[in-house]
Protein backbone atom coordinates (compact mmCIF):
# COMPACT_ATOMS: atom_id res chain seq x y z
CA MET A 1 125.23 -150.61 66.89
CA VAL A 2 121.80 -150.28 68.47
CA VAL A 3 121.83 -146.52 67.81
CA MET A 4 122.66 -147.10 64.16
CA ASN A 5 119.70 -149.49 63.92
CA ASP A 6 117.30 -147.10 65.73
CA ILE A 7 116.59 -149.62 68.50
CA ASP A 8 118.29 -147.77 71.36
CA ARG A 9 116.30 -146.36 74.27
CA PHE A 10 116.25 -142.87 72.75
CA HIS A 11 114.59 -144.03 69.54
CA LEU A 12 112.20 -146.26 71.48
CA VAL A 13 111.04 -143.31 73.58
CA GLU A 14 110.57 -141.24 70.42
CA ASP A 15 108.35 -144.02 69.06
CA VAL A 16 106.26 -143.97 72.23
CA ILE A 17 105.89 -140.19 72.03
CA ASP A 18 104.71 -140.53 68.43
CA ARG A 19 101.98 -142.90 69.60
CA LEU A 20 100.77 -140.52 72.32
CA PRO A 21 99.55 -137.40 70.50
CA SER A 22 97.96 -136.18 73.74
CA LEU A 23 101.47 -135.21 74.93
CA GLY A 24 101.34 -132.24 72.57
CA SER A 25 104.16 -129.73 72.98
CA THR A 26 105.62 -131.63 75.95
CA GLY A 27 106.20 -134.58 73.62
CA ALA A 28 107.74 -132.31 71.00
CA TYR A 29 110.20 -130.86 73.53
CA ALA A 30 111.07 -134.34 74.77
CA LYS A 31 111.70 -135.55 71.22
CA GLN A 32 113.95 -132.56 70.53
CA TYR A 33 115.92 -133.33 73.70
CA LEU A 34 116.34 -136.94 72.56
CA ARG A 35 117.44 -135.89 69.07
CA ASN A 36 120.02 -133.55 70.60
CA LYS A 37 121.34 -136.37 72.82
CA LEU A 38 121.69 -138.60 69.76
CA LEU A 39 123.63 -135.86 67.94
CA ASP A 40 125.87 -135.42 70.99
CA HIS A 41 126.36 -139.18 71.08
CA LYS A 42 127.36 -139.35 67.41
CA ALA A 43 129.81 -136.47 67.84
CA TRP A 44 131.35 -138.18 70.87
CA ILE A 45 131.77 -141.44 68.96
CA ASP A 46 133.36 -139.61 66.02
CA GLU A 47 135.88 -138.01 68.38
CA HIS A 48 136.54 -140.81 70.89
CA GLY A 49 135.65 -143.99 69.01
CA GLU A 50 133.35 -145.28 71.76
CA ASP A 51 130.01 -144.53 73.39
CA MET A 52 129.63 -141.56 75.73
CA PRO A 53 130.26 -142.55 79.37
CA GLU A 54 126.59 -141.97 80.27
CA ILE A 55 125.64 -144.50 77.59
CA ARG A 56 128.51 -146.94 78.08
CA ASN A 57 128.12 -147.07 81.87
CA TRP A 58 124.32 -147.06 82.01
CA LYS A 59 122.78 -149.73 84.26
CA TRP A 60 119.21 -150.83 84.71
CA ASN A 61 118.16 -149.94 88.24
CA ALA A 62 114.89 -151.78 88.64
CA LYS A 63 113.20 -151.05 91.92
CA THR A 64 111.69 -153.90 93.84
CA THR A 65 108.66 -153.48 96.04
């Protein structure tokens, strides 16, 4: 559902890249990678009816200092 509403981590990173024009071509390559991951994700859902394992099983690994 968060992907469909463009509030997943991939879309959020794309928004950040858009706000940092100094990234130049690096930002463009990163955005293309993210778009490709979203296309892969949609195809997986269409075939399997659930999120890709790397999405479904993702955990926040915050480091403590």
